[in-house]
């Protein structure tokens, strides 16, 4: 495996004044988006104690018996909230599903709340487990972490707008009442023969920010090398990647890359991705600075795009073929 990895980018200049440091940040982000579609972000403002808390609460939930976890199954309500059993995610129905289990949360919107009058994709109440040792703490940690990650995502999008020669506010409307999902993931130890490997896949929203533990195992496809490269965990860093929506939005100028997990450690692996997919009513169309010889894709709302992609992944009846997702073989 080549030593080349996605770059580690210092986000501290975002919080400071205009000047050479911020311009360097913009240039580094632009290069990473064109070359990898992935980068690791350090010196953000998410506290280490909050990162540690969300990983600890995640472990406590996944340590519960399967019979308890199934009480919170997404299949009960079909709203993309709650527990996903082992191998529930099976992108385009390939193989027997990924060797991981998950638990998803978003902005908590009660069924009887005014926002539910016009039900949108991935909106609804969270399923906060009552069987963990401190249910109130689980809920407060998840809510605090989700709010902090939403704020960080908005900051990253401001800088991505600058990389595209747009005003810093260009994506603000996209971020109003967004589909923003926090997902807890648990990977059990993998067979040492690697016969049960997670297939390469790309995320389908705008951006994802991943907190991973020290176990490692995340790999990204490198087009230049035509090979998988490791993403070595950096304490406190976020692995940020662009999704298919961003690639479509930029008329393929920015890369939505494939990733996979190979957990050879013999230990459990925990990670916490945060998916920023935007306002469901927002229309994603070719950005004015990315037209080139003309837009490659027609306009589509965030809700239409995300509903189709979820259908591909989880096999719901309204699925559409994800024909614009580039694929490479797992190796």
C-alpha atoms as a PDB file:
ATOM      1  CA  UNK A   1       0.000   0.000   0.000  1.00  0.00           C
ATOM      2  CA  UNK A   2       1.476   3.381  -1.004  1.00  0.00           C
ATOM      3  CA  UNK A   3       2.086   5.867   1.829  1.00  0.00           C
ATOM      4  CA  UNK A   4       0.133   8.604   0.071  1.00  0.00           C
ATOM      5  CA  UNK A   5      -2.985   9.609   2.066  1.00  0.00           C
ATOM      6  CA  UNK A   6      -5.638  12.332   1.923  1.00  0.00           C
ATOM      7  CA  UNK A   7      -4.184  15.587   3.292  1.00  0.00           C
ATOM      8  CA  UNK A   8      -4.514  16.809   6.870  1.00  0.00           C
ATOM      9  CA  UNK A   9      -5.810  20.400   6.739  1.00  0.00           C
ATOM     10  CA  UNK A  10      -5.645  22.977   9.522  1.00  0.00           C
ATOM     11  CA  UNK A  11      -9.059  24.669   9.850  1.00  0.00           C
ATOM     12  CA  UNK A  12      -7.916  27.282  12.397  1.00  0.00           C
ATOM     13  CA  UNK A  13      -7.650  30.112   9.797  1.00  0.00           C
ATOM     14  CA  UNK A  14     -11.410  29.887   9.202  1.00  0.00           C
ATOM     15  CA  UNK A  15     -11.961  31.412  12.635  1.00  0.00           C
ATOM     16  CA  UNK A  16      -9.448  34.198  12.062  1.00  0.00           C
ATOM     17  CA  UNK A  17      -9.190  37.319   9.882  1.00  0.00           C
ATOM     18  CA  UNK A  18      -8.764  37.498   6.136  1.00  0.00           C
ATOM     19  CA  UNK A  19      -5.188  37.087   5.052  1.00  0.00           C
ATOM     20  CA  UNK A  20      -2.557  34.681   3.774  1.00  0.00           C
ATOM     21  CA  UNK A  21      -3.471  31.888   6.209  1.00  0.00           C
ATOM     22  CA  UNK A  22      -7.108  31.838   5.103  1.00  0.00           C
ATOM     23  CA  UNK A  23      -6.108  31.928   1.443  1.00  0.00           C
ATOM     24  CA  UNK A  24      -3.814  28.957   2.055  1.00  0.00           C
ATOM     25  CA  UNK A  25      -6.710  27.093   3.699  1.00  0.00           C
ATOM     26  CA  UNK A  26      -8.930  27.776   0.671  1.00  0.00           C
ATOM     27  CA  UNK A  27      -6.232  26.589  -1.737  1.00  0.00           C
ATOM     28  CA  UNK A  28      -5.581  23.397   0.261  1.00  0.00           C
ATOM     29  CA  UNK A  29      -9.293  22.603   0.376  1.00  0.00           C
ATOM     30  CA  UNK A  30      -9.654  23.186  -3.373  1.00  0.00           C
ATOM     31  CA  UNK A  31      -6.780  20.836  -4.179  1.00  0.00           C
ATOM     32  CA  UNK A  32      -8.104  18.152  -1.830  1.00  0.00           C
ATOM     33  CA  UNK A  33     -11.592  18.361  -3.356  1.00  0.00           C
ATOM     34  CA  UNK A  34     -10.246  17.978  -6.875  1.00  0.00           C
ATOM     35  CA  UNK A  35      -7.653  15.296  -6.164  1.00  0.00           C
ATOM     36  CA  UNK A  36      -9.151  13.118  -3.420  1.00  0.00           C
ATOM     37  CA  UNK A  37     -12.630  14.252  -2.409  1.00  0.00           C
ATOM     38  CA  UNK A  38     -11.372  13.461   1.116  1.00  0.00           C
ATOM     39  CA  UNK A  39      -9.285  15.291   3.717  1.00  0.00           C
ATOM     40  CA  UNK A  40      -8.729  15.240   7.467  1.00  0.00           C
ATOM     41  CA  UNK A  41      -9.616  18.406   9.347  1.00  0.00           C
ATOM     42  CA  UNK A  42      -7.800  19.509  12.512  1.00  0.00           C
ATOM     43  CA  UNK A  43      -8.092  22.583  14.766  1.00  0.00           C
ATOM     44  CA  UNK A  44     -11.869  22.839  14.491  1.00  0.00           C
ATOM     45  CA  UNK A  45     -13.885  23.826  17.568  1.00  0.00           C
ATOM     46  CA  UNK A  46     -15.495  20.493  18.543  1.00  0.00           C
ATOM     47  CA  UNK A  47     -14.234  19.769  22.094  1.00  0.00           C
ATOM     48  CA  UNK A  48     -12.312  16.546  22.711  1.00  0.00           C
ATOM     49  CA  UNK A  49     -14.485  15.803  25.751  1.00  0.00           C
ATOM     50  CA  UNK A  50     -17.602  15.865  23.519  1.00  0.00           C
ATOM     51  CA  UNK A  51     -15.979  13.552  20.964  1.00  0.00           C
ATOM     52  CA  UNK A  52     -15.023  11.137  23.747  1.00  0.00           C
ATOM     53  CA  UNK A  53     -18.537  11.275  25.181  1.00  0.00           C
ATOM     54  CA  UNK A  54     -20.266  10.459  21.901  1.00  0.00           C
ATOM     55  CA  UNK A  55     -17.972   7.474  21.300  1.00  0.00           C
ATOM     56  CA  UNK A  56     -18.551   6.225  24.857  1.00  0.00           C
ATOM     57  CA  UNK A  57     -22.330   6.577  24.594  1.00  0.00           C
ATOM     58  CA  UNK A  58     -22.207   4.798  21.233  1.00  0.00           C
ATOM     59  CA  UNK A  59     -20.308   1.863  22.728  1.00  0.00           C
ATOM     60  CA  UNK A  60     -22.780   1.624  25.586  1.00  0.00           C
ATOM     61  CA  UNK A  61     -25.717   1.394  23.191  1.00  0.00           C
ATOM     62  CA  UNK A  62     -24.121  -1.258  20.971  1.00  0.00           C
ATOM     63  CA  UNK A  63     -23.220  -3.316  24.052  1.00  0.00           C
ATOM     64  CA  UNK A  64     -26.950  -3.781  24.733  1.00  0.00           C
ATOM     65  CA  UNK A  65     -28.531  -7.143  23.835  1.00  0.00           C
ATOM     66  CA  UNK A  66     -29.874  -7.436  20.298  1.00  0.00           C
ATOM     67  CA  UNK A  67     -33.403  -7.850  21.631  1.00  0.00           C
ATOM     68  CA  UNK A  68     -33.189  -4.395  23.219  1.00  0.00           C
ATOM     69  CA  UNK A  69     -31.576  -2.714  20.212  1.00  0.00           C
ATOM     70  CA  UNK A  70     -34.291  -4.088  17.937  1.00  0.00           C
ATOM     71  CA  UNK A  71     -36.907  -2.153  19.946  1.00  0.00           C
ATOM     72  CA  UNK A  72     -35.494   0.951  18.248  1.00  0.00           C
ATOM     73  CA  UNK A  73     -35.300  -0.524  14.749  1.00  0.00           C
ATOM     74  CA  UNK A  74     -35.718   1.802  11.779  1.00  0.00           C
ATOM     75  CA  UNK A  75     -37.885  -0.863  10.178  1.00  0.00           C
ATOM     76  CA  UNK A  76     -40.658  -0.248  12.708  1.00  0.00           C
ATOM     77  CA  UNK A  77     -41.371   3.292  11.564  1.00  0.00           C
ATOM     78  CA  UNK A  78     -39.445   3.521   8.282  1.00  0.00           C
ATOM     79  CA  UNK A  79     -38.194   7.029   9.066  1.00  0.00           C
ATOM     80  CA  UNK A  80     -34.399   6.624   8.849  1.00  0.00           C
ATOM     81  CA  UNK A  81     -34.097   7.051  12.614  1.00  0.00           C
ATOM     82  CA  UNK A  82     -32.956   4.470  15.135  1.00  0.00           C
ATOM     83  CA  UNK A  83     -31.217   1.110  14.932  1.00  0.00           C
ATOM     84  CA  UNK A  84     -29.909  -0.693  11.833  1.00  0.00           C
ATOM     85  CA  UNK A  85     -29.039  -4.299  12.487  1.00  0.00           C
ATOM     86  CA  UNK A  86     -25.848  -5.923  11.282  1.00  0.00           C
ATOM     87  CA  UNK A  87     -25.715  -6.059   7.461  1.00  0.00           C
ATOM     88  CA  UNK A  88     -28.789  -3.835   7.015  1.00  0.00           C
ATOM     89  CA  UNK A  89     -26.853  -1.584   4.624  1.00  0.00           C
ATOM     90  CA  UNK A  90     -26.489  -3.324   1.288  1.00  0.00           C
ATOM     91  CA  UNK A  91     -25.671  -0.796  -1.392  1.00  0.00           C
ATOM     92  CA  UNK A  92     -27.391  -1.662  -4.664  1.00  0.00           C
ATOM     93  CA  UNK A  93     -28.136  -5.092  -3.120  1.00  0.00           C
ATOM     94  CA  UNK A  94     -24.570  -6.337  -3.648  1.00  0.00           C
ATOM     95  CA  UNK A  95     -23.534  -9.336  -1.583  1.00  0.00           C
ATOM     96  CA  UNK A  96     -24.814  -9.976   1.921  1.00  0.00           C
ATOM     97  CA  UNK A  97     -24.531  -6.482   3.365  1.00  0.00           C
ATOM     98  CA  UNK A  98     -21.876  -4.580   5.289  1.00  0.00           C
ATOM     99  CA  UNK A  99     -20.407  -6.020   8.488  1.00  0.00           C
ATOM    100  CA  UNK A 100     -21.560  -3.171  10.717  1.00  0.00           C
ATOM    101  CA  UNK A 101     -24.553  -2.054  12.745  1.00  0.00           C
ATOM    102  CA  UNK A 102     -25.748   1.524  13.174  1.00  0.00           C
ATOM    103  CA  UNK A 103     -27.974   3.943  15.024  1.00  0.00           C
ATOM    104  CA  UNK A 104     -29.187   7.177  13.396  1.00  0.00           C
ATOM    105  CA  UNK A 105     -30.398  10.449  14.872  1.00  0.00           C
ATOM    106  CA  UNK A 106     -31.319  13.813  13.376  1.00  0.00           C
ATOM    107  CA  UNK A 107     -33.064  16.999  14.361  1.00  0.00           C
ATOM    108  CA  UNK A 108     -35.722  15.839  16.841  1.00  0.00           C
ATOM    109  CA  UNK A 109     -39.145  16.775  15.433  1.00  0.00           C
ATOM    110  CA  UNK A 110     -42.101  15.275  17.355  1.00  0.00           C
ATOM    111  CA  UNK A 111     -44.872  13.718  15.274  1.00  0.00           C
ATOM    112  CA  UNK A 112     -47.361  16.256  16.642  1.00  0.00           C
ATOM    113  CA  UNK A 113     -45.048  19.255  16.117  1.00  0.00           C
ATOM    114  CA  UNK A 114     -45.873  22.037  13.637  1.00  0.00           C
ATOM    115  CA  UNK A 115     -42.880  21.152  11.432  1.00  0.00           C
ATOM    116  CA  UNK A 116     -44.402  17.757  10.730  1.00  0.00           C
ATOM    117  CA  UNK A 117     -47.419  19.288   8.986  1.00  0.00           C
ATOM    118  CA  UNK A 118     -45.444  19.132   5.732  1.00  0.00           C
ATOM    119  CA  UNK A 119     -43.528  15.899   6.246  1.00  0.00           C
ATOM    120  CA  UNK A 120     -40.149  15.939   4.545  1.00  0.00           C
ATOM    121  CA  UNK A 121     -37.621  13.232   3.905  1.00  0.00           C
ATOM    122  CA  UNK A 122     -35.692  12.102   7.008  1.00  0.00           C
ATOM    123  CA  UNK A 123     -37.621  14.371   9.375  1.00  0.00           C
ATOM    124  CA  UNK A 124     -39.257  13.086  12.523  1.00  0.00           C
ATOM    125  CA  UNK A 125     -38.626  12.192  16.160  1.00  0.00           C
ATOM    126  CA  UNK A 126     -35.450  10.546  17.368  1.00  0.00           C
ATOM    127  CA  UNK A 127     -35.511   7.206  19.162  1.00  0.00           C
ATOM    128  CA  UNK A 128     -33.542   7.831  22.341  1.00  0.00           C
ATOM    129  CA  UNK A 129     -32.821   4.487  24.070  1.00  0.00           C
ATOM    130  CA  UNK A 130     -34.007   4.136  27.655  1.00  0.00           C
ATOM    131  CA  UNK A 131     -31.969   1.016  28.473  1.00  0.00           C
ATOM    132  CA  UNK A 132     -28.524   2.671  28.557  1.00  0.00           C
ATOM    133  CA  UNK A 133     -27.171   3.433  32.022  1.00  0.00           C
ATOM    134  CA  UNK A 134     -28.001   7.167  31.828  1.00  0.00           C
ATOM    135  CA  UNK A 135     -30.719   7.810  29.231  1.00  0.00           C
ATOM    136  CA  UNK A 136     -30.786  11.575  29.869  1.00  0.00           C
ATOM    137  CA  UNK A 137     -27.022  11.769  29.343  1.00  0.00           C
ATOM    138  CA  UNK A 138     -27.228   9.791  26.092  1.00  0.00           C
ATOM    139  CA  UNK A 139     -29.808  12.227  24.774  1.00  0.00           C
ATOM    140  CA  UNK A 140     -27.984  15.376  25.897  1.00  0.00           C
ATOM    141  CA  UNK A 141     -24.657  14.199  24.452  1.00  0.00           C
ATOM    142  CA  UNK A 142     -26.203  13.298  21.096  1.00  0.00           C
ATOM    143  CA  UNK A 143     -28.156  16.551  20.844  1.00  0.00           C
ATOM    144  CA  UNK A 144     -25.134  18.679  21.799  1.00  0.00           C
ATOM    145  CA  UNK A 145     -22.895  16.819  19.386  1.00  0.00           C
ATOM    146  CA  UNK A 146     -25.381  17.044  16.509  1.00  0.00           C
ATOM    147  CA  UNK A 147     -25.756  20.800  16.990  1.00  0.00           C
ATOM    148  CA  UNK A 148     -21.977  21.273  17.128  1.00  0.00           C
ATOM    149  CA  UNK A 149     -21.487  19.229  13.972  1.00  0.00           C
ATOM    150  CA  UNK A 150     -24.200  21.160  12.140  1.00  0.00           C
ATOM    151  CA  UNK A 151     -22.326  24.359  12.939  1.00  0.00           C
ATOM    152  CA  UNK A 152     -19.012  22.893  11.767  1.00  0.00           C
ATOM    153  CA  UNK A 153     -20.616  21.655   8.536  1.00  0.00           C
ATOM    154  CA  UNK A 154     -21.881  25.161   7.801  1.00  0.00           C
ATOM    155  CA  UNK A 155     -18.366  26.511   8.336  1.00  0.00           C
ATOM    156  CA  UNK A 156     -16.845  23.962   5.974  1.00  0.00           C
ATOM    157  CA  UNK A 157     -19.436  24.816   3.328  1.00  0.00           C
ATOM    158  CA  UNK A 158     -18.569  28.497   3.636  1.00  0.00           C
ATOM    159  CA  UNK A 159     -14.965  27.679   2.834  1.00  0.00           C
ATOM    160  CA  UNK A 160     -15.949  25.305   0.027  1.00  0.00           C
ATOM    161  CA  UNK A 161     -17.935  28.169  -1.502  1.00  0.00           C
ATOM    162  CA  UNK A 162     -14.761  30.261  -1.459  1.00  0.00           C
ATOM    163  CA  UNK A 163     -12.837  27.462  -3.211  1.00  0.00           C
ATOM    164  CA  UNK A 164     -15.353  27.734  -6.059  1.00  0.00           C
ATOM    165  CA  UNK A 165     -14.972  31.531  -6.380  1.00  0.00           C
ATOM    166  CA  UNK A 166     -18.416  32.046  -4.820  1.00  0.00           C
ATOM    167  CA  UNK A 167     -19.480  34.297  -1.984  1.00  0.00           C
ATOM    168  CA  UNK A 168     -19.026  32.751   1.452  1.00  0.00           C
ATOM    169  CA  UNK A 169     -22.799  32.840   1.881  1.00  0.00           C
ATOM    170  CA  UNK A 170     -23.509  30.895  -1.332  1.00  0.00           C
ATOM    171  CA  UNK A 171     -24.625  27.738   0.513  1.00  0.00           C
ATOM    172  CA  UNK A 172     -26.493  29.431   3.382  1.00  0.00           C
ATOM    173  CA  UNK A 173     -29.955  28.708   1.944  1.00  0.00           C
ATOM    174  CA  UNK A 174     -28.946  25.081   1.452  1.00  0.00           C
ATOM    175  CA  UNK A 175     -28.239  24.882   5.210  1.00  0.00           C
ATOM    176  CA  UNK A 176     -31.672  26.101   6.393  1.00  0.00           C
ATOM    177  CA  UNK A 177     -33.579  23.308   8.213  1.00  0.00           C
ATOM    178  CA  UNK A 178     -31.266  20.719   6.687  1.00  0.00           C
ATOM    179  CA  UNK A 179     -31.393  16.971   6.471  1.00  0.00           C
ATOM    180  CA  UNK A 180     -28.484  16.383   8.857  1.00  0.00           C
ATOM    181  CA  UNK A 181     -28.054  12.871  10.211  1.00  0.00           C
ATOM    182  CA  UNK A 182     -25.761  11.708  13.009  1.00  0.00           C
ATOM    183  CA  UNK A 183     -24.965   8.017  12.723  1.00  0.00           C
ATOM    184  CA  UNK A 184     -23.297   5.799  15.297  1.00  0.00           C
ATOM    185  CA  UNK A 185     -21.492   2.810  13.766  1.00  0.00           C
ATOM    186  CA  UNK A 186     -20.093  -0.372  15.278  1.00  0.00           C
ATOM    187  CA  UNK A 187     -17.893  -2.804  13.349  1.00  0.00           C
ATOM    188  CA  UNK A 188     -17.303  -6.161  15.054  1.00  0.00           C
ATOM    189  CA  UNK A 189     -13.899  -7.800  14.595  1.00  0.00           C
ATOM    190  CA  UNK A 190     -13.463  -9.037  11.033  1.00  0.00           C
ATOM    191  CA  UNK A 191     -12.323 -12.473   9.925  1.00  0.00           C
ATOM    192  CA  UNK A 192      -8.547 -12.376   9.433  1.00  0.00           C
ATOM    193  CA  UNK A 193      -8.824 -13.831   5.926  1.00  0.00           C
ATOM    194  CA  UNK A 194     -10.631 -10.629   4.783  1.00  0.00           C
ATOM    195  CA  UNK A 195     -13.295 -12.725   3.086  1.00  0.00           C
ATOM    196  CA  UNK A 196     -15.963 -10.472   4.588  1.00  0.00           C
ATOM    197  CA  UNK A 197     -14.882  -7.099   3.230  1.00  0.00           C
ATOM    198  CA  UNK A 198     -16.969  -3.943   3.037  1.00  0.00           C
ATOM    199  CA  UNK A 199     -17.535  -3.025  -0.597  1.00  0.00           C
ATOM    200  CA  UNK A 200     -16.373   0.365  -1.826  1.00  0.00           C
ATOM    201  CA  UNK A 201     -19.091   3.007  -1.806  1.00  0.00           C
ATOM    202  CA  UNK A 202     -19.501   6.768  -2.086  1.00  0.00           C
ATOM    203  CA  UNK A 203     -21.726   8.901   0.120  1.00  0.00           C
ATOM    204  CA  UNK A 204     -24.644  10.511  -1.622  1.00  0.00           C
ATOM    205  CA  UNK A 205     -25.225  13.782   0.261  1.00  0.00           C
ATOM    206  CA  UNK A 206     -23.181  16.989   0.199  1.00  0.00           C
ATOM    207  CA  UNK A 207     -20.467  16.461   2.817  1.00  0.00           C
ATOM    208  CA  UNK A 208     -19.756  13.936   5.564  1.00  0.00           C
ATOM    209  CA  UNK A 209     -17.572  14.471   8.639  1.00  0.00           C
ATOM    210  CA  UNK A 210     -16.364  11.262  10.268  1.00  0.00           C
ATOM    211  CA  UNK A 211     -15.050  10.846  13.795  1.00  0.00           C
ATOM    212  CA  UNK A 212     -13.190   7.535  14.006  1.00  0.00           C
ATOM    213  CA  UNK A 213     -11.615   5.789  16.955  1.00  0.00           C
ATOM    214  CA  UNK A 214      -7.954   4.733  17.023  1.00  0.00           C
ATOM    215  CA  UNK A 215      -8.640   1.279  15.554  1.00  0.00           C
ATOM    216  CA  UNK A 216      -8.206   2.352  11.939  1.00  0.00           C
ATOM    217  CA  UNK A 217      -9.341   0.423   8.887  1.00  0.00           C
ATOM    218  CA  UNK A 218     -10.790   3.224   6.752  1.00  0.00           C
ATOM    219  CA  UNK A 219      -9.516   3.247   3.170  1.00  0.00           C
ATOM    220  CA  UNK A 220     -10.112   5.630   0.262  1.00  0.00           C
ATOM    221  CA  UNK A 221      -9.787   4.911  -3.448  1.00  0.00           C
ATOM    222  CA  UNK A 222      -6.947   6.864  -5.065  1.00  0.00           C
ATOM    223  CA  UNK A 223      -7.579   7.421  -8.767  1.00  0.00           C
ATOM    224  CA  UNK A 224      -3.966   8.393  -9.428  1.00  0.00           C
ATOM    225  CA  UNK A 225      -2.646   5.149  -7.948  1.00  0.00           C
ATOM    226  CA  UNK A 226      -5.640   2.993  -8.944  1.00  0.00           C
ATOM    227  CA  UNK A 227      -5.485   1.521  -5.466  1.00  0.00           C
ATOM    228  CA  UNK A 228      -6.897   1.831  -1.964  1.00  0.00           C
ATOM    229  CA  UNK A 229      -4.986   4.010   0.512  1.00  0.00           C
ATOM    230  CA  UNK A 230      -5.299   3.999   4.293  1.00  0.00           C
ATOM    231  CA  UNK A 231      -6.686   6.960   6.230  1.00  0.00           C
ATOM    232  CA  UNK A 232      -4.627   6.814   9.413  1.00  0.00           C
ATOM    233  CA  UNK A 233      -6.607   8.062  12.442  1.00  0.00           C
ATOM    234  CA  UNK A 234      -5.454  11.470  13.679  1.00  0.00           C
ATOM    235  CA  UNK A 235      -6.585  12.132  17.271  1.00  0.00           C
ATOM    236  CA  UNK A 236      -9.482  14.601  17.304  1.00  0.00           C
ATOM    237  CA  UNK A 237      -9.541  15.037  13.517  1.00  0.00           C
ATOM    238  CA  UNK A 238     -12.536  14.705  11.218  1.00  0.00           C
ATOM    239  CA  UNK A 239     -12.300  12.771   7.994  1.00  0.00           C
ATOM    240  CA  UNK A 240     -14.299  14.990   5.629  1.00  0.00           C
ATOM    241  CA  UNK A 241     -15.488  13.734   2.286  1.00  0.00           C
ATOM    242  CA  UNK A 242     -17.621  15.104  -0.489  1.00  0.00           C
ATOM    243  CA  UNK A 243     -20.715  13.192  -1.535  1.00  0.00           C
ATOM    244  CA  UNK A 244     -22.320  12.556  -4.912  1.00  0.00           C
ATOM    245  CA  UNK A 245     -24.556  15.595  -4.454  1.00  0.00           C
ATOM    246  CA  UNK A 246     -21.507  17.874  -4.294  1.00  0.00           C
ATOM    247  CA  UNK A 247     -19.956  16.227  -7.335  1.00  0.00           C
ATOM    248  CA  UNK A 248     -23.202  16.778  -9.242  1.00  0.00           C
ATOM    249  CA  UNK A 249     -23.469  20.360  -7.952  1.00  0.00           C
ATOM    250  CA  UNK A 250     -19.954  21.209  -9.160  1.00  0.00           C
ATOM    251  CA  UNK A 251     -20.502  19.584 -12.564  1.00  0.00           C
ATOM    252  CA  UNK A 252     -17.915  16.905 -11.674  1.00  0.00           C
ATOM    253  CA  UNK A 253     -15.194  19.456 -10.907  1.00  0.00           C
ATOM    254  CA  UNK A 254     -15.032  18.097  -7.344  1.00  0.00           C
ATOM    255  CA  UNK A 255     -14.668  14.423  -6.590  1.00  0.00           C
ATOM    256  CA  UNK A 256     -17.049  12.170  -4.675  1.00  0.00           C
ATOM    257  CA  UNK A 257     -14.773   9.303  -3.876  1.00  0.00           C
ATOM    258  CA  UNK A 258     -15.214   5.715  -2.779  1.00  0.00           C
ATOM    259  CA  UNK A 259     -14.328   4.395   0.648  1.00  0.00           C
ATOM    260  CA  UNK A 260     -14.417   1.100   2.506  1.00  0.00           C
ATOM    261  CA  UNK A 261     -13.503  -0.322   5.912  1.00  0.00           C
ATOM    262  CA  UNK A 262     -11.232  -3.302   6.533  1.00  0.00           C
ATOM    263  CA  UNK A 263     -11.000  -3.965  10.268  1.00  0.00           C
ATOM    264  CA  UNK A 264      -7.974  -6.237  10.596  1.00  0.00           C
ATOM    265  CA  UNK A 265      -7.279  -5.184  14.186  1.00  0.00           C
ATOM    266  CA  UNK A 266      -9.058  -8.074  15.886  1.00  0.00           C
ATOM    267  CA  UNK A 267     -10.921  -5.443  17.924  1.00  0.00           C
ATOM    268  CA  UNK A 268     -14.229  -3.666  17.688  1.00  0.00           C
ATOM    269  CA  UNK A 269     -14.253  -0.441  15.681  1.00  0.00           C
ATOM    270  CA  UNK A 270     -16.464   2.559  16.394  1.00  0.00           C
ATOM    271  CA  UNK A 271     -17.008   5.589  14.189  1.00  0.00           C
ATOM    272  CA  UNK A 272     -19.480   8.472  14.103  1.00  0.00           C
ATOM    273  CA  UNK A 273     -20.225  10.010  10.693  1.00  0.00           C
ATOM    274  CA  UNK A 274     -22.297  13.170  10.386  1.00  0.00           C
ATOM    275  CA  UNK A 275     -24.076  13.622   7.059  1.00  0.00           C
ATOM    276  CA  UNK A 276     -24.977  17.132   5.858  1.00  0.00           C
ATOM    277  CA  UNK A 277     -27.462  16.814   3.010  1.00  0.00           C
ATOM    278  CA  UNK A 278     -29.205  20.189   3.141  1.00  0.00           C
ATOM    279  CA  UNK A 279     -32.655  21.729   2.959  1.00  0.00           C
ATOM    280  CA  UNK A 280     -35.031  19.172   1.393  1.00  0.00           C
ATOM    281  CA  UNK A 281     -36.667  21.882  -0.759  1.00  0.00           C
ATOM    282  CA  UNK A 282     -33.378  23.289  -2.053  1.00  0.00           C
ATOM    283  CA  UNK A 283     -32.803  22.838  -5.790  1.00  0.00           C
ATOM    284  CA  UNK A 284     -29.358  21.482  -6.612  1.00  0.00           C
ATOM    285  CA  UNK A 285     -28.258  22.685 -10.031  1.00  0.00           C
ATOM    286  CA  UNK A 286     -24.928  23.405 -11.656  1.00  0.00           C
ATOM    287  CA  UNK A 287     -23.110  26.183  -9.798  1.00  0.00           C
ATOM    288  CA  UNK A 288     -22.476  29.317 -11.898  1.00  0.00           C
ATOM    289  CA  UNK A 289     -18.696  28.945 -11.674  1.00  0.00           C
ATOM    290  CA  UNK A 290     -18.778  25.288 -12.741  1.00  0.00           C
ATOM    291  CA  UNK A 291     -20.716  25.338 -16.016  1.00  0.00           C
ATOM    292  CA  UNK A 292     -17.727  24.642 -18.284  1.00  0.00           C
ATOM    293  CA  UNK A 293     -19.121  23.446 -21.620  1.00  0.00           C
ATOM    294  CA  UNK A 294     -22.559  23.151 -20.067  1.00  0.00           C
ATOM    295  CA  UNK A 295     -24.326  21.454 -17.124  1.00  0.00           C
ATOM    296  CA  UNK A 296     -24.109  17.651 -17.160  1.00  0.00           C
ATOM    297  CA  UNK A 297     -27.065  17.073 -14.835  1.00  0.00           C
ATOM    298  CA  UNK A 298     -30.593  18.512 -14.633  1.00  0.00           C
ATOM    299  CA  UNK A 299     -31.760  20.360 -11.502  1.00  0.00           C
ATOM    300  CA  UNK A 300     -33.135  18.208  -8.689  1.00  0.00           C
ATOM    301  CA  UNK A 301     -34.355  18.934  -5.171  1.00  0.00           C
ATOM    302  CA  UNK A 302     -32.384  17.656  -2.208  1.00  0.00           C
ATOM    303  CA  UNK A 303     -35.384  15.582  -1.133  1.00  0.00           C
ATOM    304  CA  UNK A 304     -35.751  13.910  -4.533  1.00  0.00           C
ATOM    305  CA  UNK A 305     -32.047  13.144  -4.693  1.00  0.00           C
ATOM    306  CA  UNK A 306     -31.760  11.765  -1.159  1.00  0.00           C
ATOM    307  CA  UNK A 307     -34.921   9.663  -1.331  1.00  0.00           C
ATOM    308  CA  UNK A 308     -33.648   7.960  -4.474  1.00  0.00           C
ATOM    309  CA  UNK A 309     -30.228   7.294  -2.991  1.00  0.00           C
ATOM    310  CA  UNK A 310     -31.638   5.836   0.236  1.00  0.00           C
ATOM    311  CA  UNK A 311     -33.852   3.577  -1.858  1.00  0.00           C
ATOM    312  CA  UNK A 312     -30.794   2.256  -3.681  1.00  0.00           C
ATOM    313  CA  UNK A 313     -28.994   1.549  -0.415  1.00  0.00           C
ATOM    314  CA  UNK A 314     -31.776   0.068   1.690  1.00  0.00           C
ATOM    315  CA  UNK A 315     -33.881  -1.503  -1.027  1.00  0.00           C
ATOM    316  CA  UNK A 316     -37.112   0.462  -0.624  1.00  0.00           C
ATOM    317  CA  UNK A 317     -39.714   0.187  -3.329  1.00  0.00           C
ATOM    318  CA  UNK A 318     -39.334   3.667  -4.810  1.00  0.00           C
ATOM    319  CA  UNK A 319     -35.659   3.201  -5.624  1.00  0.00           C
ATOM    320  CA  UNK A 320     -34.104   4.511  -8.818  1.00  0.00           C
ATOM    321  CA  UNK A 321     -30.906   3.316 -10.423  1.00  0.00           C
ATOM    322  CA  UNK A 322     -27.882   5.293  -9.271  1.00  0.00           C
ATOM    323  CA  UNK A 323     -26.468   5.434 -12.756  1.00  0.00           C
ATOM    324  CA  UNK A 324     -24.180   8.401 -12.150  1.00  0.00           C
ATOM    325  CA  UNK A 325     -22.245   6.765  -9.307  1.00  0.00           C
ATOM    326  CA  UNK A 326     -18.804   5.774 -10.477  1.00  0.00           C
ATOM    327  CA  UNK A 327     -17.738   2.303  -9.389  1.00  0.00           C
ATOM    328  CA  UNK A 328     -14.424   0.556  -9.001  1.00  0.00           C
ATOM    329  CA  UNK A 329     -13.935  -3.049  -7.913  1.00  0.00           C
ATOM    330  CA  UNK A 330     -13.077  -3.899  -4.323  1.00  0.00           C
ATOM    331  CA  UNK A 331      -9.586  -5.308  -4.171  1.00  0.00           C
END
